[in-house]
Amino acid sequence: SLAGAFPSVIAAGQNASFTVQLDTAIAGAKFGEVRFTTNDASESLFNFNVAGLVTGTNAAGTPQLFLPGPAVGYAFGQMPVLVDRQVTLTDSDSVTFGGGSVVVELAGGGTSSDRLEIRSLGDGPGQIAVTGNEIRFGGTVIGMRSGGSGTTPLVVTLNATATRPAVEALLRSIAYSNVAVSPPTRPRYVRFTVTDDTGKVSNQPVKKVMLAAFEANVAPRVANPIAAQVAAEDSSFGFTVSAATFVDDNSFDPTLTYSAQRQGGGTLPGWLLFDAAARRFSGTPGNDDVGSFVVTVTAADQAGLSAADDFQIQVANTNDAPIVASPIPDRSTDEGSFFDFTFAAITF
């Protein structure tokens, strides 16, 4: 709310001020928008974004949301773009969120042509699917949705099967788009709120969506193919994929997310680990891992478009020292007697 009155007339070259009061008991970052109308012949409407921080301590068991991803870019006419695919949700006292809700809304910059929706991937493990207003996680219904058009908040009412991982997957599936041919290019500010089964309300983090004209989203591309690598049996292996391997030509969506698997879709060998954030492979292959295989590295943009590059890892055999497989048992003989003994071929 506004504390104090804003003057109705401001002389040319003069200043005026007022105070914005953050009327909430919920600690955390807050965001809003103040709009002014004027009789200025060249500009009759002014929008100002307002941000602040409410300090304090939330009640134990209050849901906590974190949006670690960068600001999102959206070009007119492109497919809906995920707002933040890295959302995390914690709640110390809620096993399920039955009776709670997820609310996603435009805290600032919204227009009638904006759309907030839920990306539907399917009913596989860990996936979100949408049929009509029904929301499923891994094939199980977790809630019903409403809204999401224009400035109307997108609301998902959760049922008793909505576990924390299910709600987190839902939050990561929220997408933004715009149906206008040429919408206003001012940033949109998307705000997330979660209410748990006990009625506690989360913090309300905001993610910025930047709109751009005349630049349709294009998939990332391979700029510098990954060279073949050699690992030695029983030796530590480490390799970092260069940040210059893939490039994204979109100025508004430069952030890429990485993944790795065997060529054709299989999982990586058990000895080989991939740190997606650092783009680094590491591990120590054993004797049974000697040979070669092909790894596919995929780089995806915030809209889900991707590029992939294959490279070979050769695990080279090394000469191992013999080992004792079957110890030779002790033998005895009599003095003056001929002794003859052959140890087994499987001893070493």
Protein backbone atom coordinates (compact mmCIF):
# COMPACT_ATOMS: atom_id res chain seq x y z
CA SER A 1 0.00 0.00 0.00
CA LEU A 2 1.00 3.66 -0.30
CA ALA A 3 1.87 5.58 2.86
CA GLY A 4 1.14 9.25 2.37
CA ALA A 5 -0.30 11.08 -0.61
CA PHE A 6 1.36 11.70 -3.94
CA PRO A 7 0.86 15.31 -5.11
CA SER A 8 -1.63 15.76 -7.91
CA VAL A 9 0.56 18.35 -9.64
CA ILE A 10 4.33 18.31 -10.08
CA ALA A 11 5.90 21.35 -11.67
CA ALA A 12 8.30 20.85 -14.55
CA GLY A 13 11.78 20.02 -13.28
CA GLN A 14 10.54 19.33 -9.74
CA ASN A 15 10.51 16.10 -7.71
CA ALA A 16 7.95 14.37 -5.54
CA SER A 17 8.07 11.26 -3.39
CA PHE A 18 5.93 8.88 -1.37
CA THR A 19 6.43 5.65 0.59
CA VAL A 20 5.46 2.11 -0.40
CA GLN A 21 4.43 0.06 2.65
CA LEU A 22 5.04 -3.71 2.40
CA ASP A 23 1.88 -5.00 4.10
CA THR A 24 2.74 -8.65 4.74
CA ALA A 25 3.85 -10.87 7.59
CA ILE A 26 5.69 -13.25 5.24
CA ALA A 27 9.46 -12.72 5.27
CA GLY A 28 11.38 -12.59 2.02
CA ALA A 29 11.80 -10.57 -1.16
CA LYS A 30 8.70 -8.72 -2.38
CA PHE A 31 7.88 -7.22 -5.72
CA GLY A 32 5.16 -5.05 -7.18
CA GLU A 33 4.29 -2.39 -9.71
CA VAL A 34 3.10 1.22 -9.36
CA ARG A 35 1.36 2.89 -12.29
CA PHE A 36 0.94 6.64 -12.87
CA THR A 37 -1.18 8.47 -15.42
CA THR A 38 -0.24 11.98 -16.49
CA ASN A 39 -1.31 14.71 -18.90
CA ASP A 40 2.08 14.56 -20.62
CA ALA A 41 1.35 14.87 -24.35
CA SER A 42 4.14 12.47 -25.33
CA GLU A 43 3.71 9.86 -22.59
CA SER A 44 0.52 9.46 -20.59
CA LEU A 45 1.33 6.26 -18.70
CA PHE A 46 4.35 5.46 -16.54
CA ASN A 47 5.14 2.14 -14.89
CA PHE A 48 7.60 1.74 -12.02
CA ASN A 49 8.78 -1.53 -10.54
CA VAL A 50 9.02 -1.64 -6.75
CA ALA A 51 11.10 -4.17 -4.82
CA GLY A 52 11.84 -4.61 -1.13
CA LEU A 53 12.76 -7.09 1.57
CA VAL A 54 10.60 -8.04 4.53
CA THR A 55 12.86 -9.20 7.37
CA GLY A 56 11.82 -11.64 10.04
CA THR A 57 11.61 -15.34 10.79
CA ASN A 58 9.07 -17.59 9.13
CA ALA A 59 7.25 -20.18 11.23
CA ALA A 60 8.83 -23.64 11.43
CA GLY A 61 7.72 -25.82 8.53
CA THR A 62 7.08 -22.89 6.18
CA PRO A 63 7.71 -23.91 2.55
CA GLN A 64 10.80 -22.34 1.01
CA LEU A 65 11.26 -21.71 -2.72
CA PHE A 66 14.54 -21.00 -4.49
CA LEU A 67 14.85 -19.96 -8.15
CA PRO A 68 18.56 -20.38 -8.98
CA GLY A 69 18.25 -20.10 -12.76
CA PRO A 70 19.07 -16.93 -14.71
CA ALA A 71 16.58 -14.49 -16.20
CA VAL A 72 14.67 -16.02 -19.10
CA GLY A 73 14.44 -14.73 -22.66
CA TYR A 74 11.34 -15.01 -24.84
CA ALA A 75 11.01 -13.99 -28.50
CA PHE A 76 7.64 -13.19 -30.05
CA GLY A 77 6.04 -16.24 -31.61
CA GLN A 78 8.30 -18.87 -30.09
CA MET A 79 7.15 -21.92 -28.16
CA PRO A 80 6.48 -21.45 -24.41
CA VAL A 81 9.74 -21.12 -22.47
CA LEU A 82 10.33 -22.67 -19.05
CA VAL A 83 10.53 -19.98 -16.37
CA ASP A 84 13.07 -21.85 -14.20
CA ARG A 85 13.92 -25.51 -14.68
CA GLN A 86 16.03 -25.52 -11.49
CA VAL A 87 13.36 -24.53 -8.92
CA THR A 88 13.86 -26.14 -5.52
CA LEU A 89 11.22 -26.57 -2.79
CA THR A 90 11.82 -27.47 0.85
CA ASP A 91 9.28 -28.06 3.62
CA SER A 92 10.34 -29.67 6.89
CA ASP A 93 6.93 -30.82 8.10
CA SER A 94 4.93 -31.72 4.97
CA VAL A 95 5.08 -35.18 3.43
CA THR A 96 2.31 -34.30 1.00
CA PHE A 97 0.68 -30.99 0.08
CA GLY A 98 -2.97 -32.09 0.00
CA GLY A 99 -5.27 -29.08 0.35
CA GLY A 100 -2.42 -26.74 -0.56
CA SER A 101 -1.76 -24.95 -3.82
CA VAL A 102 0.76 -23.62 -6.29
CA VAL A 103 0.12 -20.08 -7.55
CA VAL A 104 2.13 -18.58 -10.41
CA GLU A 105 1.32 -15.02 -11.43
CA LEU A 106 2.65 -11.96 -13.19
CA ALA A 107 3.78 -9.65 -10.40
CA GLY A 108 4.68 -6.92 -12.87
CA GLY A 109 4.54 -6.07 -16.55
CA GLY A 110 1.61 -8.35 -17.35
CA THR A 111 -0.76 -7.89 -20.31
CA SER A 112 -3.86 -9.64 -21.60
CA SER A 113 -1.77 -11.54 -24.17
CA ASP A 114 0.55 -13.17 -21.62
CA ARG A 115 0.16 -16.88 -20.89
CA LEU A 116 1.35 -19.02 -17.98
CA GLU A 117 1.03 -22.75 -18.52
CA ILE A 118 2.39 -26.16 -17.53
CA ARG A 119 4.64 -28.06 -19.92
CA SER A 120 3.37 -31.62 -20.39
CA LEU A 121 6.08 -34.26 -20.93
CA GLY A 122 4.29 -37.54 -20.23
CA ASP A 123 3.54 -40.10 -17.54
CA GLY A 124 7.06 -41.48 -17.14
CA PRO A 125 8.86 -41.52 -13.78
CA GLY A 126 9.47 -37.98 -12.56
CA GLN A 127 7.49 -36.41 -15.42
CA ILE A 128 4.59 -33.96 -15.37
CA ALA A 129 1.62 -34.56 -17.67
CA VAL A 130 -1.40 -32.35 -18.34
CA THR A 131 -4.76 -33.52 -19.68
CA GLY A 132 -7.41 -30.81 -19.67
CA ASN A 133 -7.19 -29.32 -16.18
CA GLU A 134 -5.80 -32.51 -14.63
CA ILE A 135 -2.13 -32.53 -13.54
CA ARG A 136 -0.26 -35.84 -13.11
CA PHE A 137 3.18 -36.73 -11.77
CA GLY A 138 4.56 -40.09 -12.87
CA GLY A 139 1.05 -41.05 -14.00
CA THR A 140 -0.64 -40.17 -10.68
CA VAL A 141 -3.06 -37.23 -10.44
CA ILE A 142 -1.66 -34.59 -8.05
CA GLY A 143 -4.03 -31.67 -8.66
CA MET A 144 -6.24 -29.54 -10.88
CA ARG A 145 -5.32 -26.29 -12.59
CA SER A 146 -7.15 -23.07 -13.46
CA GLY A 147 -6.26 -19.63 -14.83
CA GLY A 148 -3.01 -18.64 -16.48
CA SER A 149 -4.46 -16.41 -19.21
CA GLY A 150 -3.55 -12.73 -19.26
CA THR A 151 -2.96 -11.41 -15.76
CA THR A 152 -5.11 -14.13 -14.15
CA PRO A 153 -2.86 -16.25 -11.90
CA LEU A 154 -2.21 -19.87 -12.80
CA VAL A 155 -3.46 -21.90 -9.81
CA VAL A 156 -2.98 -25.61 -9.17
CA THR A 157 -5.02 -27.03 -6.29
CA LEU A 158 -3.08 -29.98 -4.86
CA ASN A 159 -4.38 -33.29 -3.52
CA ALA A 160 -2.97 -35.74 -0.97
CA THR A 161 -0.75 -37.51 -3.54
CA ALA A 162 1.19 -34.30 -4.23
CA THR A 163 4.53 -35.05 -2.55
CA ARG A 164 7.38 -32.54 -2.34
CA PRO A 165 9.18 -34.05 -5.40
CA ALA A 166 5.90 -33.90 -7.34
CA VAL A 167 5.31 -30.24 -6.48
CA GLU A 168 8.94 -29.40 -7.28
CA ALA A 169 8.61 -31.07 -10.70
CA LEU A 170 5.42 -29.07 -11.27
CA LEU A 171 7.19 -25.79 -10.43
CA ARG A 172 9.98 -26.67 -12.87
CA SER A 173 7.39 -27.22 -15.61
CA ILE A 174 5.89 -23.70 -15.50
CA ALA A 175 6.26 -21.99 -18.88
CA TYR A 176 5.65 -18.48 -20.24
CA SER A 177 4.47 -17.38 -23.69
CA ASN A 178 2.68 -14.49 -25.38
CA VAL A 179 -0.01 -14.75 -28.05
CA ALA A 180 0.25 -11.19 -29.41
CA VAL A 181 1.95 -10.47 -32.73
CA SER A 182 3.87 -7.56 -31.23
CA PRO A 183 3.39 -7.36 -27.45
CA PRO A 184 4.96 -4.67 -25.26
CA THR A 185 8.62 -5.52 -24.72
CA ARG A 186 8.83 -4.45 -21.08
CA PRO A 187 10.02 -7.29 -18.81
CA ARG A 188 7.52 -9.61 -17.16
CA TYR A 189 8.05 -10.65 -13.54
CA VAL A 190 6.73 -14.13 -12.72
CA ARG A 191 6.05 -14.78 -9.02
CA PHE A 192 5.77 -18.25 -7.41
CA THR A 193 3.87 -19.09 -4.22
CA VAL A 194 3.31 -22.49 -2.57
CA THR A 195 0.85 -23.19 0.25
CA ASP A 196 1.36 -26.52 2.03
CA ASP A 197 -1.08 -28.92 3.68
CA THR A 198 -0.90 -27.03 6.99
CA GLY A 199 -1.80 -23.70 5.39
CA LYS A 200 1.69 -22.21 5.67
CA VAL A 201 2.59 -19.93 2.76
CA SER A 202 6.04 -19.93 1.17
CA ASN A 203 8.28 -17.03 0.30
CA GLN A 204 7.37 -15.51 -3.08
CA PRO A 205 10.44 -15.42 -5.35
CA VAL A 206 10.21 -13.63 -8.69
CA LYS A 207 11.84 -14.55 -12.01
CA LYS A 208 12.37 -11.97 -14.75
CA VAL A 209 11.28 -12.80 -18.32
CA MET A 210 12.81 -10.59 -21.01
CA LEU A 211 10.88 -10.13 -24.24
CA ALA A 212 12.58 -9.46 -27.56
CA ALA A 213 11.22 -8.66 -31.01
CA PHE A 214 12.33 -10.01 -34.38
CA GLU A 215 14.52 -12.76 -32.92
CA ALA A 216 12.92 -16.17 -32.98
CA ASN A 217 14.50 -18.75 -30.73
CA VAL A 218 16.91 -21.09 -32.51
CA ALA A 219 18.50 -24.24 -31.21
CA PRO A 220 22.06 -24.22 -29.88
CA ARG A 221 24.71 -25.50 -32.30
CA VAL A 222 28.03 -27.31 -32.12
CA ALA A 223 30.85 -24.83 -32.70
CA ASN A 224 33.86 -26.92 -31.65
CA PRO A 225 33.39 -30.71 -31.70
CA ILE A 226 34.66 -32.64 -28.69
CA ALA A 227 37.90 -34.52 -29.36
CA ALA A 228 38.28 -38.25 -28.65
CA GLN A 229 39.67 -39.04 -25.20
CA VAL A 230 41.90 -41.81 -23.83
CA ALA A 231 41.65 -43.20 -20.30
CA ALA A 232 44.08 -45.68 -18.77
CA GLU A 233 42.91 -48.74 -16.86
CA ASP A 234 43.24 -48.30 -13.08
CA SER A 235 44.19 -44.62 -13.46
CA SER A 236 42.15 -41.54 -12.60
CA PHE A 237 40.49 -39.97 -15.64
CA GLY A 238 39.25 -36.39 -15.89
CA PHE A 239 38.02 -34.31 -18.80
CA THR A 240 36.10 -31.02 -18.99
CA VAL A 241 33.97 -30.19 -22.02
CA SER A 242 34.92 -26.72 -23.23
CA ALA A 243 32.37 -23.95 -22.75
CA ALA A 244 33.03 -23.11 -26.40
CA THR A 245 31.82 -26.52 -27.63
CA PHE A 246 28.23 -25.30 -28.00
CA VAL A 247 26.97 -21.80 -28.76
CA ASP A 248 23.50 -20.28 -28.60
CA ASP A 249 23.01 -17.47 -31.09
CA ASN A 250 20.05 -16.00 -29.18
CA SER A 251 21.12 -12.88 -27.33
CA PHE A 252 18.17 -13.21 -24.93
CA ASP A 253 18.68 -16.89 -24.02
CA PRO A 254 22.41 -17.64 -23.74
CA THR A 255 22.27 -20.08 -20.83
CA LEU A 256 22.73 -23.77 -21.65
CA THR A 257 22.03 -26.86 -19.54
CA TYR A 258 24.16 -29.96 -20.14
CA SER A 259 23.55 -33.71 -19.95
CA ALA A 260 25.48 -36.82 -21.02
CA GLN A 261 24.66 -40.42 -21.90
CA ARG A 262 25.93 -43.28 -24.04
CA GLN A 263 25.35 -42.90 -27.75
CA GLY A 264 21.86 -44.18 -28.50
CA GLY A 265 20.44 -43.37 -25.08
CA GLY A 266 22.13 -45.75 -22.65
CA THR A 267 23.48 -44.73 -19.25
CA LEU A 268 27.16 -43.97 -18.75
CA PRO A 269 29.43 -46.77 -17.47
CA GLY A 270 29.37 -47.11 -13.71
CA TRP A 271 32.93 -45.82 -13.35
CA LEU A 272 32.28 -42.60 -15.29
CA LEU A 273 30.61 -39.62 -13.60
CA PHE A 274 29.41 -36.41 -15.27
CA ASP A 275 29.08 -33.10 -13.38
CA ALA A 276 26.64 -31.16 -15.56
CA ALA A 277 27.23 -27.82 -13.85
CA ALA A 278 31.01 -28.06 -14.35
CA ARG A 279 30.73 -29.97 -17.67
CA ARG A 280 33.29 -32.44 -16.28
CA PHE A 281 33.71 -36.22 -16.70
CA SER A 282 35.70 -38.14 -14.08
CA GLY A 283 36.31 -41.65 -12.80
CA THR A 284 38.71 -44.59 -12.69
CA PRO A 285 38.11 -47.47 -15.14
CA GLY A 286 38.96 -51.04 -14.20
CA ASN A 287 40.19 -54.02 -16.17
CA ASP A 288 36.64 -54.96 -17.18
CA ASP A 289 36.17 -51.49 -18.69
CA VAL A 290 38.96 -51.86 -21.26
CA GLY A 291 37.66 -50.97 -24.73
CA SER A 292 35.94 -48.01 -26.34
CA PHE A 293 32.49 -46.45 -26.23
CA VAL A 294 30.82 -43.28 -27.52
CA VAL A 295 29.37 -40.56 -25.29
CA THR A 296 26.69 -38.08 -26.39
CA VAL A 297 26.77 -34.64 -24.74
CA THR A 298 23.61 -32.53 -25.11
CA ALA A 299 23.28 -28.79 -24.52
CA ALA A 300 19.73 -27.42 -24.11
CA ASP A 301 18.53 -23.82 -23.93
CA GLN A 302 15.84 -22.50 -21.59
CA ALA A 303 13.14 -23.24 -24.19
CA GLY A 304 14.17 -26.89 -24.42
CA LEU A 305 15.83 -26.69 -27.86
CA SER A 306 19.10 -28.59 -27.95
CA ALA A 307 22.21 -29.67 -29.85
CA ALA A 308 24.33 -32.79 -29.29
CA ASP A 309 27.88 -33.91 -30.02
CA ASP A 310 29.38 -37.41 -29.85
CA PHE A 311 32.92 -38.29 -28.82
CA GLN A 312 34.77 -41.52 -28.13
CA ILE A 313 36.46 -42.59 -24.91
CA GLN A 314 39.08 -45.34 -25.29
CA VAL A 315 40.01 -47.21 -22.11
CA ALA A 316 43.53 -48.48 -22.72
CA ASN A 317 44.75 -51.75 -21.22
CA THR A 318 47.78 -51.55 -18.93
CA ASN A 319 50.22 -54.29 -17.96
CA ASP A 320 49.20 -55.58 -14.54
CA ALA A 321 51.70 -57.34 -12.25
CA PRO A 322 50.84 -61.02 -11.64
CA ILE A 323 48.94 -61.79 -8.46
CA VAL A 324 48.65 -64.92 -6.32
CA ALA A 325 45.31 -66.52 -7.08
CA SER A 326 45.77 -69.88 -5.28
CA PRO A 327 48.53 -69.99 -2.64
CA ILE A 328 50.89 -73.00 -2.80
CA PRO A 329 50.34 -75.23 0.22
CA ASP A 330 53.32 -76.21 2.34
CA ARG A 331 54.96 -79.57 1.48
CA SER A 332 57.29 -81.94 3.39
CA THR A 333 59.76 -84.69 2.42
CA ASP A 334 62.08 -87.15 4.18
CA GLU A 335 65.80 -86.70 4.40
CA GLY A 336 67.59 -88.60 1.68
CA SER A 337 64.40 -89.04 -0.37
CA PHE A 338 63.81 -87.69 -3.85
CA PHE A 339 61.36 -84.73 -3.81
CA ASP A 340 59.15 -83.96 -6.80
CA PHE A 341 56.27 -81.40 -6.74
CA THR A 342 54.54 -79.35 -9.47
CA PHE A 343 52.52 -76.30 -8.38
CA ALA A 344 49.17 -75.66 -10.11
CA ALA A 345 48.91 -73.58 -13.26
CA ILE A 346 46.24 -71.45 -11.57
CA THR A 347 48.54 -70.43 -8.70
CA PHE A 348 49.27 -67.05 -10.42
